[in-house]
C-alpha cells in the first residue's frame, strides 16, 4: 500500500524530518516552470534506471504535477526495497493551491 500525505501533512513532515528527500518525478520542462525548494529531480521515465542515486535509509516524499505519476514512482520505489515512501496527494498543483499561491501553476 502506498502512503500519501496532503500538502499540509508533507510540509509538517519535512519540517520535523529534515533528512527527508523530496523527489520530483516530472519532466525537465516542468521543472523550468516551478519546483519545490530543495527537491531532487529524476523524471518518472528515468527512475528505474537511476534508483542507485537515491538513499534507502531516508524518508522520500514523491511529487509530480497532480499526483498520478508520483503514485507510479512510489510503486517503483517500494518494489525496489525503499520502505519509507510517501506520495504527495495532488502534487505541486495542490501544494500551490493550499500552501503557496505564489508558485506558478500550469
PDB file of N, CA and C in Angstrom:
ATOM      1  N   UNK A   1       0.829  -1.195   0.000  1.00  0.00           N
ATOM      2  CA  UNK A   1       0.000   0.000   0.000  1.00  0.00           C
ATOM      3  C   UNK A   1       0.875   1.260   0.000  1.00  0.00           C
ATOM      4  N   UNK A   2       0.502   2.204  -0.808  1.00  0.00           N
ATOM      5  CA  UNK A   2       1.268   3.453  -0.911  1.00  0.00           C
ATOM      6  C   UNK A   2       0.686   4.472   0.065  1.00  0.00           C
ATOM      7  N   UNK A   3       1.561   5.025   0.894  1.00  0.00           N
ATOM      8  CA  UNK A   3       1.146   6.043   1.853  1.00  0.00           C
ATOM      9  C   UNK A   3       1.142   7.398   1.163  1.00  0.00           C
ATOM     10  N   UNK A   4       0.147   8.209   1.481  1.00  0.00           N
ATOM     11  CA  UNK A   4       0.040   9.541   0.902  1.00  0.00           C
ATOM     12  C   UNK A   4       0.027  10.598   1.985  1.00  0.00           C
ATOM     13  N   UNK A   5       0.520  11.772   1.630  1.00  0.00           N
ATOM     14  CA  UNK A   5       0.490  12.933   2.511  1.00  0.00           C
ATOM     15  C   UNK A   5      -0.174  14.082   1.759  1.00  0.00           C
ATOM     16  N   UNK A   6      -1.040  14.808   2.440  1.00  0.00           N
ATOM     17  CA  UNK A   6      -1.580  16.032   1.865  1.00  0.00           C
ATOM     18  C   UNK A   6      -0.456  17.061   1.854  1.00  0.00           C
ATOM     19  N   UNK A   7      -0.596  18.146   1.120  1.00  0.00           N
ATOM     20  CA  UNK A   7       0.444  19.172   1.161  1.00  0.00           C
ATOM     21  C   UNK A   7       0.742  19.679   2.576  1.00  0.00           C
ATOM     22  N   UNK A   8      -0.281  19.871   3.375  1.00  0.00           N
ATOM     23  CA  UNK A   8      -0.075  20.343   4.752  1.00  0.00           C
ATOM     24  C   UNK A   8       0.683  19.298   5.556  1.00  0.00           C
ATOM     25  N   UNK A   9       0.293  18.031   5.432  1.00  0.00           N
ATOM     26  CA  UNK A   9       0.996  16.956   6.137  1.00  0.00           C
ATOM     27  C   UNK A   9       2.446  16.854   5.665  1.00  0.00           C
ATOM     28  N   UNK A  10       2.651  16.997   4.357  1.00  0.00           N
ATOM     29  CA  UNK A  10       4.007  16.905   3.801  1.00  0.00           C
ATOM     30  C   UNK A  10       4.881  18.045   4.314  1.00  0.00           C
ATOM     31  N   UNK A  11       4.337  19.246   4.364  1.00  0.00           N
ATOM     32  CA  UNK A  11       5.097  20.390   4.865  1.00  0.00           C
ATOM     33  C   UNK A  11       5.518  20.162   6.312  1.00  0.00           C
ATOM     34  N   UNK A  12       4.597  19.673   7.133  1.00  0.00           N
ATOM     35  CA  UNK A  12       4.923  19.373   8.534  1.00  0.00           C
ATOM     36  C   UNK A  12       5.926  18.237   8.644  1.00  0.00           C
ATOM     37  N   UNK A  13       5.768  17.217   7.802  1.00  0.00           N
ATOM     38  CA  UNK A  13       6.699  16.085   7.799  1.00  0.00           C
ATOM     39  C   UNK A  13       8.109  16.567   7.477  1.00  0.00           C
ATOM     40  N   UNK A  14       8.222  17.407   6.447  1.00  0.00           N
ATOM     41  CA  UNK A  14       9.532  17.938   6.054  1.00  0.00           C
ATOM     42  C   UNK A  14      10.140  18.795   7.164  1.00  0.00           C
ATOM     43  N   UNK A  15       9.302  19.560   7.845  1.00  0.00           N
ATOM     44  CA  UNK A  15       9.781  20.414   8.935  1.00  0.00           C
ATOM     45  C   UNK A  15      10.314  19.575  10.102  1.00  0.00           C
ATOM     46  N   UNK A  16       9.652  18.452  10.369  1.00  0.00           N
ATOM     47  CA  UNK A  16      10.017  17.610  11.511  1.00  0.00           C
ATOM     48  C   UNK A  16      11.022  16.512  11.179  1.00  0.00           C
ATOM     49  N   UNK A  17      11.282  16.304   9.909  1.00  0.00           N
ATOM     50  CA  UNK A  17      12.206  15.245   9.465  1.00  0.00           C
ATOM     51  C   UNK A  17      13.129  15.841   8.402  1.00  0.00           C
ATOM     52  N   UNK A  18      14.119  16.567   8.837  1.00  0.00           N
ATOM     53  CA  UNK A  18      14.947  17.363   7.931  1.00  0.00           C
ATOM     54  C   UNK A  18      15.747  16.539   6.918  1.00  0.00           C
ATOM     55  N   UNK A  19      15.940  15.263   7.196  1.00  0.00           N
ATOM     56  CA  UNK A  19      16.718  14.453   6.246  1.00  0.00           C
ATOM     57  C   UNK A  19      15.852  13.843   5.137  1.00  0.00           C
ATOM     58  N   UNK A  20      14.568  14.143   5.139  1.00  0.00           N
ATOM     59  CA  UNK A  20      13.661  13.607   4.118  1.00  0.00           C
ATOM     60  C   UNK A  20      14.039  14.121   2.731  1.00  0.00           C
ATOM     61  N   UNK A  21      13.994  13.226   1.757  1.00  0.00           N
ATOM     62  CA  UNK A  21      14.254  13.593   0.369  1.00  0.00           C
ATOM     63  C   UNK A  21      12.929  13.909  -0.309  1.00  0.00           C
ATOM     64  N   UNK A  22      12.859  15.062  -0.947  1.00  0.00           N
ATOM     65  CA  UNK A  22      11.700  15.465  -1.728  1.00  0.00           C
ATOM     66  C   UNK A  22      12.033  15.178  -3.186  1.00  0.00           C
ATOM     67  N   UNK A  23      11.378  14.177  -3.760  1.00  0.00           N
ATOM     68  CA  UNK A  23      11.695  13.697  -5.101  1.00  0.00           C
ATOM     69  C   UNK A  23      10.654  14.152  -6.112  1.00  0.00           C
ATOM     70  N   UNK A  24      11.090  14.898  -7.092  1.00  0.00           N
ATOM     71  CA  UNK A  24      10.242  15.421  -8.159  1.00  0.00           C
ATOM     72  C   UNK A  24      10.409  14.517  -9.376  1.00  0.00           C
ATOM     73  N   UNK A  25       9.322  13.881  -9.827  1.00  0.00           N
ATOM     74  CA  UNK A  25       9.406  12.946 -10.952  1.00  0.00           C
ATOM     75  C   UNK A  25       8.802  13.515 -12.237  1.00  0.00           C
ATOM     76  N   UNK A  26       8.649  14.834 -12.292  1.00  0.00           N
ATOM     77  CA  UNK A  26       8.130  15.473 -13.503  1.00  0.00           C
ATOM     78  C   UNK A  26       9.231  15.582 -14.560  1.00  0.00           C
ATOM     79  N   UNK A  27       8.845  16.047 -15.731  1.00  0.00           N
ATOM     80  CA  UNK A  27       9.787  16.231 -16.821  1.00  0.00           C
ATOM     81  C   UNK A  27      10.576  17.529 -16.625  1.00  0.00           C
ATOM     82  N   UNK A  28      11.718  17.630 -17.287  1.00  0.00           N
ATOM     83  CA  UNK A  28      12.591  18.806 -17.145  1.00  0.00           C
ATOM     84  C   UNK A  28      11.893  20.109 -17.495  1.00  0.00           C
ATOM     85  N   UNK A  29      11.067  20.099 -18.525  1.00  0.00           N
ATOM     86  CA  UNK A  29      10.375  21.332 -18.921  1.00  0.00           C
ATOM     87  C   UNK A  29       9.436  21.810 -17.820  1.00  0.00           C
ATOM     88  N   UNK A  30       8.897  20.886 -17.042  1.00  0.00           N
ATOM     89  CA  UNK A  30       8.007  21.264 -15.938  1.00  0.00           C
ATOM     90  C   UNK A  30       8.792  21.900 -14.789  1.00  0.00           C
ATOM     91  N   UNK A  31      10.006  21.393 -14.572  1.00  0.00           N
ATOM     92  CA  UNK A  31      10.879  21.928 -13.521  1.00  0.00           C
ATOM     93  C   UNK A  31      11.216  23.388 -13.832  1.00  0.00           C
ATOM     94  N   UNK A  32      11.361  23.693 -15.119  1.00  0.00           N
ATOM     95  CA  UNK A  32      11.675  25.067 -15.516  1.00  0.00           C
ATOM     96  C   UNK A  32      10.553  26.036 -15.151  1.00  0.00           C
ATOM     97  N   UNK A  33       9.337  25.553 -15.066  1.00  0.00           N
ATOM     98  CA  UNK A  33       8.189  26.394 -14.712  1.00  0.00           C
ATOM     99  C   UNK A  33       8.140  26.612 -13.200  1.00  0.00           C
ATOM    100  N   UNK A  34       8.243  25.523 -12.451  1.00  0.00           N
ATOM    101  CA  UNK A  34       8.125  25.609 -10.994  1.00  0.00           C
ATOM    102  C   UNK A  34       8.620  24.308 -10.361  1.00  0.00           C
ATOM    103  N   UNK A  35       9.204  24.435  -9.183  1.00  0.00           N
ATOM    104  CA  UNK A  35       9.549  23.258  -8.388  1.00  0.00           C
ATOM    105  C   UNK A  35       9.553  23.657  -6.919  1.00  0.00           C
ATOM    106  N   UNK A  36       9.483  22.674  -6.065  1.00  0.00           N
ATOM    107  CA  UNK A  36       9.535  22.944  -4.630  1.00  0.00           C
ATOM    108  C   UNK A  36      10.996  23.067  -4.210  1.00  0.00           C
ATOM    109  N   UNK A  37      11.278  23.937  -3.250  1.00  0.00           N
ATOM    110  CA  UNK A  37      12.664  24.132  -2.809  1.00  0.00           C
ATOM    111  C   UNK A  37      13.306  22.831  -2.322  1.00  0.00           C
ATOM    112  N   UNK A  38      14.577  22.683  -2.610  1.00  0.00           N
ATOM    113  CA  UNK A  38      15.387  21.549  -2.140  1.00  0.00           C
ATOM    114  C   UNK A  38      14.912  20.197  -2.643  1.00  0.00           C
ATOM    115  N   UNK A  39      14.201  20.177  -3.768  1.00  0.00           N
ATOM    116  CA  UNK A  39      13.779  18.879  -4.296  1.00  0.00           C
ATOM    117  C   UNK A  39      14.836  18.318  -5.243  1.00  0.00           C
ATOM    118  N   UNK A  40      14.840  17.006  -5.347  1.00  0.00           N
ATOM    119  CA  UNK A  40      15.761  16.258  -6.190  1.00  0.00           C
ATOM    120  C   UNK A  40      14.947  15.774  -7.386  1.00  0.00           C
ATOM    121  N   UNK A  41      15.486  15.903  -8.586  1.00  0.00           N
ATOM    122  CA  UNK A  41      14.719  15.566  -9.782  1.00  0.00           C
ATOM    123  C   UNK A  41      15.239  14.321 -10.483  1.00  0.00           C
ATOM    124  N   UNK A  42      14.327  13.383 -10.699  1.00  0.00           N
ATOM    125  CA  UNK A  42      14.529  12.260 -11.621  1.00  0.00           C
ATOM    126  C   UNK A  42      13.172  12.052 -12.295  1.00  0.00           C
ATOM    127  N   UNK A  43      13.111  12.190 -13.596  1.00  0.00           N
ATOM    128  CA  UNK A  43      11.816  12.005 -14.266  1.00  0.00           C
ATOM    129  C   UNK A  43      11.351  10.560 -14.099  1.00  0.00           C
ATOM    130  N   UNK A  44      10.053  10.381 -14.116  1.00  0.00           N
ATOM    131  CA  UNK A  44       9.486   9.047 -13.970  1.00  0.00           C
ATOM    132  C   UNK A  44      10.057   8.086 -15.006  1.00  0.00           C
ATOM    133  N   UNK A  45      10.269   8.578 -16.231  1.00  0.00           N
ATOM    134  CA  UNK A  45      10.806   7.724 -17.303  1.00  0.00           C
ATOM    135  C   UNK A  45      12.190   7.174 -16.962  1.00  0.00           C
ATOM    136  N   UNK A  46      12.977   7.929 -16.195  1.00  0.00           N
ATOM    137  CA  UNK A  46      14.349   7.529 -15.888  1.00  0.00           C
ATOM    138  C   UNK A  46      14.498   6.899 -14.507  1.00  0.00           C
ATOM    139  N   UNK A  47      13.438   6.898 -13.720  1.00  0.00           N
ATOM    140  CA  UNK A  47      13.535   6.485 -12.321  1.00  0.00           C
ATOM    141  C   UNK A  47      14.102   5.075 -12.140  1.00  0.00           C
ATOM    142  N   UNK A  48      13.577   4.108 -12.861  1.00  0.00           N
ATOM    143  CA  UNK A  48      14.022   2.719 -12.681  1.00  0.00           C
ATOM    144  C   UNK A  48      15.517   2.559 -12.937  1.00  0.00           C
ATOM    145  N   UNK A  49      16.070   3.346 -13.852  1.00  0.00           N
ATOM    146  CA  UNK A  49      17.496   3.249 -14.171  1.00  0.00           C
ATOM    147  C   UNK A  49      18.373   4.020 -13.187  1.00  0.00           C
ATOM    148  N   UNK A  50      17.774   4.921 -12.413  1.00  0.00           N
ATOM    149  CA  UNK A  50      18.560   5.777 -11.526  1.00  0.00           C
ATOM    150  C   UNK A  50      18.272   5.548 -10.038  1.00  0.00           C
ATOM    151  N   UNK A  51      17.737   4.393  -9.716  1.00  0.00           N
ATOM    152  CA  UNK A  51      17.409   4.089  -8.324  1.00  0.00           C
ATOM    153  C   UNK A  51      18.623   4.144  -7.404  1.00  0.00           C
ATOM    154  N   UNK A  52      19.794   3.802  -7.941  1.00  0.00           N
ATOM    155  CA  UNK A  52      21.004   3.782  -7.105  1.00  0.00           C
ATOM    156  C   UNK A  52      21.431   5.174  -6.661  1.00  0.00           C
ATOM    157  N   UNK A  53      20.844   6.221  -7.238  1.00  0.00           N
ATOM    158  CA  UNK A  53      21.184   7.585  -6.813  1.00  0.00           C
ATOM    159  C   UNK A  53      20.319   8.054  -5.643  1.00  0.00           C
ATOM    160  N   UNK A  54      19.419   7.190  -5.194  1.00  0.00           N
ATOM    161  CA  UNK A  54      18.523   7.544  -4.094  1.00  0.00           C
ATOM    162  C   UNK A  54      18.899   6.788  -2.820  1.00  0.00           C
ATOM    163  N   UNK A  55      18.780   7.439  -1.664  1.00  0.00           N
ATOM    164  CA  UNK A  55      19.112   6.784  -0.395  1.00  0.00           C
ATOM    165  C   UNK A  55      17.973   5.900   0.103  1.00  0.00           C
ATOM    166  N   UNK A  56      18.292   4.670   0.461  1.00  0.00           N
ATOM    167  CA  UNK A  56      17.273   3.774   1.003  1.00  0.00           C
ATOM    168  C   UNK A  56      17.048   3.990   2.496  1.00  0.00           C
ATOM    169  N   UNK A  57      17.944   4.753   3.128  1.00  0.00           N
ATOM    170  CA  UNK A  57      17.839   4.943   4.575  1.00  0.00           C
ATOM    171  C   UNK A  57      17.147   6.255   4.963  1.00  0.00           C
ATOM    172  N   UNK A  58      16.523   6.926   4.009  1.00  0.00           N
ATOM    173  CA  UNK A  58      15.817   8.171   4.292  1.00  0.00           C
ATOM    174  C   UNK A  58      14.360   8.064   3.861  1.00  0.00           C
ATOM    175  N   UNK A  59      13.526   8.883   4.482  1.00  0.00           N
ATOM    176  CA  UNK A  59      12.145   9.023   4.008  1.00  0.00           C
ATOM    177  C   UNK A  59      12.178   9.759   2.679  1.00  0.00           C
ATOM    178  N   UNK A  60      11.256   9.384   1.791  1.00  0.00           N
ATOM    179  CA  UNK A  60      11.169  10.035   0.489  1.00  0.00           C
ATOM    180  C   UNK A  60       9.714  10.441   0.250  1.00  0.00           C
ATOM    181  N   UNK A  61       9.514  11.716  -0.040  1.00  0.00           N
ATOM    182  CA  UNK A  61       8.203  12.206  -0.465  1.00  0.00           C
ATOM    183  C   UNK A  61       8.308  12.472  -1.961  1.00  0.00           C
ATOM    184  N   UNK A  62       7.447  11.822  -2.727  1.00  0.00           N
ATOM    185  CA  UNK A  62       7.493  11.904  -4.182  1.00  0.00           C
ATOM    186  C   UNK A  62       6.352  12.794  -4.666  1.00  0.00           C
ATOM    187  N   UNK A  63       6.681  13.695  -5.610  1.00  0.00           N
ATOM    188  CA  UNK A  63       5.624  14.531  -6.170  1.00  0.00           C
ATOM    189  C   UNK A  63       5.775  14.696  -7.672  1.00  0.00           C
ATOM    190  N   UNK A  64       4.648  15.057  -8.279  1.00  0.00           N
ATOM    191  CA  UNK A  64       4.605  15.388  -9.703  1.00  0.00           C
ATOM    192  C   UNK A  64       3.633  16.562  -9.852  1.00  0.00           C
ATOM    193  N   UNK A  65       2.969  16.662 -10.968  1.00  0.00           N
ATOM    194  CA  UNK A  65       2.050  17.787 -11.189  1.00  0.00           C
ATOM    195  C   UNK A  65       0.756  17.613 -10.399  1.00  0.00           C
ATOM    196  N   UNK A  66       0.078  16.479 -10.563  1.00  0.00           N
ATOM    197  CA  UNK A  66      -1.204  16.248  -9.896  1.00  0.00           C
ATOM    198  C   UNK A  66      -1.219  15.031  -8.970  1.00  0.00           C
ATOM    199  N   UNK A  67      -0.199  14.219  -8.989  1.00  0.00           N
ATOM    200  CA  UNK A  67      -0.135  13.085  -8.070  1.00  0.00           C
ATOM    201  C   UNK A  67      -0.225  11.703  -8.683  1.00  0.00           C
ATOM    202  N   UNK A  68      -0.473  11.598  -9.976  1.00  0.00           N
ATOM    203  CA  UNK A  68      -0.598  10.259 -10.567  1.00  0.00           C
ATOM    204  C   UNK A  68       0.752   9.653 -10.938  1.00  0.00           C
ATOM    205  N   UNK A  69       1.646  10.444 -11.522  1.00  0.00           N
ATOM    206  CA  UNK A  69       2.985   9.924 -11.840  1.00  0.00           C
ATOM    207  C   UNK A  69       3.749   9.597 -10.565  1.00  0.00           C
ATOM    208  N   UNK A  70       3.554  10.404  -9.546  1.00  0.00           N
ATOM    209  CA  UNK A  70       4.257  10.145  -8.281  1.00  0.00           C
ATOM    210  C   UNK A  70       3.753   8.858  -7.632  1.00  0.00           C
ATOM    211  N   UNK A  71       2.487   8.521  -7.829  1.00  0.00           N
ATOM    212  CA  UNK A  71       1.986   7.230  -7.338  1.00  0.00           C
ATOM    213  C   UNK A  71       2.723   6.078  -8.015  1.00  0.00           C
ATOM    214  N   UNK A  72       2.903   6.181  -9.327  1.00  0.00           N
ATOM    215  CA  UNK A  72       3.649   5.149 -10.056  1.00  0.00           C
ATOM    216  C   UNK A  72       5.098   5.093  -9.565  1.00  0.00           C
ATOM    217  N   UNK A  73       5.689   6.264  -9.327  1.00  0.00           N
ATOM    218  CA  UNK A  73       7.065   6.312  -8.835  1.00  0.00           C
ATOM    219  C   UNK A  73       7.167   5.660  -7.460  1.00  0.00           C
ATOM    220  N   UNK A  74       6.201   5.913  -6.601  1.00  0.00           N
ATOM    221  CA  UNK A  74       6.196   5.288  -5.272  1.00  0.00           C
ATOM    222  C   UNK A  74       6.149   3.766  -5.398  1.00  0.00           C
ATOM    223  N   UNK A  75       5.320   3.266  -6.304  1.00  0.00           N
ATOM    224  CA  UNK A  75       5.223   1.819  -6.514  1.00  0.00           C
ATOM    225  C   UNK A  75       6.562   1.244  -6.967  1.00  0.00           C
ATOM    226  N   UNK A  76       7.244   1.953  -7.855  1.00  0.00           N
ATOM    227  CA  UNK A  76       8.570   1.503  -8.317  1.00  0.00           C
ATOM    228  C   UNK A  76       9.553   1.487  -7.147  1.00  0.00           C
ATOM    229  N   UNK A  77       9.551   2.523  -6.351  1.00  0.00           N
ATOM    230  CA  UNK A  77      10.467   2.598  -5.209  1.00  0.00           C
ATOM    231  C   UNK A  77      10.204   1.473  -4.214  1.00  0.00           C
ATOM    232  N   UNK A  78       8.947   1.272  -3.874  1.00  0.00           N
ATOM    233  CA  UNK A  78       8.594   0.222  -2.907  1.00  0.00           C
ATOM    234  C   UNK A  78       8.980  -1.149  -3.443  1.00  0.00           C
ATOM    235  N   UNK A  79       8.721  -1.396  -4.710  1.00  0.00           N
ATOM    236  CA  UNK A  79       9.076  -2.676  -5.347  1.00  0.00           C
ATOM    237  C   UNK A  79      10.580  -2.928  -5.280  1.00  0.00           C
ATOM    238  N   UNK A  80      11.368  -1.852  -5.236  1.00  0.00           N
ATOM    239  CA  UNK A  80      12.822  -1.973  -5.231  1.00  0.00           C
ATOM    240  C   UNK A  80      13.450  -1.768  -3.851  1.00  0.00           C
ATOM    241  N   UNK A  81      12.669  -1.958  -2.810  1.00  0.00           N
ATOM    242  CA  UNK A  81      13.219  -2.002  -1.463  1.00  0.00           C
ATOM    243  C   UNK A  81      13.264  -0.691  -0.698  1.00  0.00           C
ATOM    244  N   UNK A  82      12.639   0.349  -1.210  1.00  0.00           N
ATOM    245  CA  UNK A  82      12.543   1.599  -0.463  1.00  0.00           C
ATOM    246  C   UNK A  82      11.316   1.490   0.440  1.00  0.00           C
ATOM    247  N   UNK A  83      11.518   1.677   1.740  1.00  0.00           N
ATOM    248  CA  UNK A  83      10.445   1.389   2.684  1.00  0.00           C
ATOM    249  C   UNK A  83       9.660   2.605   3.151  1.00  0.00           C
ATOM    250  N   UNK A  84      10.296   3.740   3.274  1.00  0.00           N
ATOM    251  CA  UNK A  84       9.650   4.915   3.856  1.00  0.00           C
ATOM    252  C   UNK A  84       9.340   5.930   2.752  1.00  0.00           C
ATOM    253  N   UNK A  85       8.314   5.613   1.958  1.00  0.00           N
ATOM    254  CA  UNK A  85       7.981   6.371   0.748  1.00  0.00           C
ATOM    255  C   UNK A  85       6.556   6.917   0.866  1.00  0.00           C
ATOM    256  N   UNK A  86       6.391   8.170   0.477  1.00  0.00           N
ATOM    257  CA  UNK A  86       5.092   8.836   0.543  1.00  0.00           C
ATOM    258  C   UNK A  86       4.799   9.547  -0.766  1.00  0.00           C
ATOM    259  N   UNK A  87       3.540   9.522  -1.162  1.00  0.00           N
ATOM    260  CA  UNK A  87       3.084  10.266  -2.329  1.00  0.00           C
ATOM    261  C   UNK A  87       2.496  11.595  -1.862  1.00  0.00           C
ATOM    262  N   UNK A  88       2.859  12.678  -2.528  1.00  0.00           N
ATOM    263  CA  UNK A  88       2.256  13.977  -2.242  1.00  0.00           C
ATOM    264  C   UNK A  88       0.920  14.049  -2.979  1.00  0.00           C
ATOM    265  N   UNK A  89      -0.165  13.933  -2.233  1.00  0.00           N
ATOM    266  CA  UNK A  89      -1.509  13.963  -2.824  1.00  0.00           C
ATOM    267  C   UNK A  89      -1.764  15.282  -3.536  1.00  0.00           C
ATOM    268  N   UNK A  90      -2.183  15.196  -4.777  1.00  0.00           N
ATOM    269  CA  UNK A  90      -2.497  16.394  -5.546  1.00  0.00           C
ATOM    270  C   UNK A  90      -1.300  17.074  -6.167  1.00  0.00           C
ATOM    271  N   UNK A  91      -0.096  16.597  -5.849  1.00  0.00           N
ATOM    272  CA  UNK A  91       1.121  17.110  -6.453  1.00  0.00           C
ATOM    273  C   UNK A  91       1.402  18.574  -6.165  1.00  0.00           C
ATOM    274  N   UNK A  92       2.267  19.142  -6.998  1.00  0.00           N
ATOM    275  CA  UNK A  92       2.665  20.534  -6.817  1.00  0.00           C
ATOM    276  C   UNK A  92       1.480  21.476  -7.058  1.00  0.00           C
ATOM    277  N   UNK A  93       0.499  21.029  -7.821  1.00  0.00           N
ATOM    278  CA  UNK A  93      -0.707  21.830  -8.046  1.00  0.00           C
ATOM    279  C   UNK A  93      -1.442  22.058  -6.723  1.00  0.00           C
ATOM    280  N   UNK A  94      -1.628  21.000  -5.952  1.00  0.00           N
ATOM    281  CA  UNK A  94      -2.306  21.125  -4.658  1.00  0.00           C
ATOM    282  C   UNK A  94      -1.460  21.931  -3.675  1.00  0.00           C
ATOM    283  N   UNK A  95      -0.139  21.723  -3.718  1.00  0.00           N
ATOM    284  CA  UNK A  95       0.763  22.490  -2.847  1.00  0.00           C
ATOM    285  C   UNK A  95       0.579  23.992  -3.121  1.00  0.00           C
ATOM    286  N   UNK A  96       0.529  24.350  -4.402  1.00  0.00           N
ATOM    287  CA  UNK A  96       0.360  25.749  -4.787  1.00  0.00           C
ATOM    288  C   UNK A  96      -0.990  26.291  -4.300  1.00  0.00           C
ATOM    289  N   UNK A  97      -2.039  25.536  -4.513  1.00  0.00           N
ATOM    290  CA  UNK A  97      -3.382  25.984  -4.111  1.00  0.00           C
ATOM    291  C   UNK A  97      -3.510  26.148  -2.596  1.00  0.00           C
ATOM    292  N   UNK A  98      -2.965  25.187  -1.851  1.00  0.00           N
ATOM    293  CA  UNK A  98      -3.182  25.156  -0.405  1.00  0.00           C
ATOM    294  C   UNK A  98      -2.126  25.880   0.421  1.00  0.00           C
ATOM    295  N   UNK A  99      -0.890  25.906  -0.057  1.00  0.00           N
ATOM    296  CA  UNK A  99       0.201  26.413   0.777  1.00  0.00           C
ATOM    297  C   UNK A  99       0.929  27.619   0.225  1.00  0.00           C
ATOM    298  N   UNK A 100       1.074  27.701  -1.077  1.00  0.00           N
ATOM    299  CA  UNK A 100       1.879  28.779  -1.648  1.00  0.00           C
ATOM    300  C   UNK A 100       1.288  29.244  -2.973  1.00  0.00           C
ATOM    301  N   UNK A 101       0.274  30.126  -2.908  1.00  0.00           N
ATOM    302  CA  UNK A 101      -0.367  30.572  -4.143  1.00  0.00           C
ATOM    303  C   UNK A 101       0.535  31.399  -5.055  1.00  0.00           C
ATOM    304  N   UNK A 102       1.732  31.761  -4.571  1.00  0.00           N
ATOM    305  CA  UNK A 102       2.669  32.483  -5.418  1.00  0.00           C
ATOM    306  C   UNK A 102       3.432  31.573  -6.368  1.00  0.00           C
ATOM    307  N   UNK A 103       3.367  30.260  -6.150  1.00  0.00           N
ATOM    308  CA  UNK A 103       4.023  29.319  -7.062  1.00  0.00           C
ATOM    309  C   UNK A 103       3.304  29.345  -8.404  1.00  0.00           C
ATOM    310  N   UNK A 104       4.043  29.402  -9.501  1.00  0.00           N
ATOM    311  CA  UNK A 104       3.404  29.348 -10.815  1.00  0.00           C
ATOM    312  C   UNK A 104       2.633  28.036 -10.992  1.00  0.00           C
ATOM    313  N   UNK A 105       1.484  28.141 -11.626  1.00  0.00           N
ATOM    314  CA  UNK A 105       0.689  26.945 -11.922  1.00  0.00           C
ATOM    315  C   UNK A 105       0.590  26.792 -13.432  1.00  0.00           C
ATOM    316  N   UNK A 106       0.482  25.558 -13.874  1.00  0.00           N
ATOM    317  CA  UNK A 106       0.389  25.291 -15.316  1.00  0.00           C
ATOM    318  C   UNK A 106      -0.578  24.184 -15.589  1.00  0.00           C
TER     319      UNK A 106
END
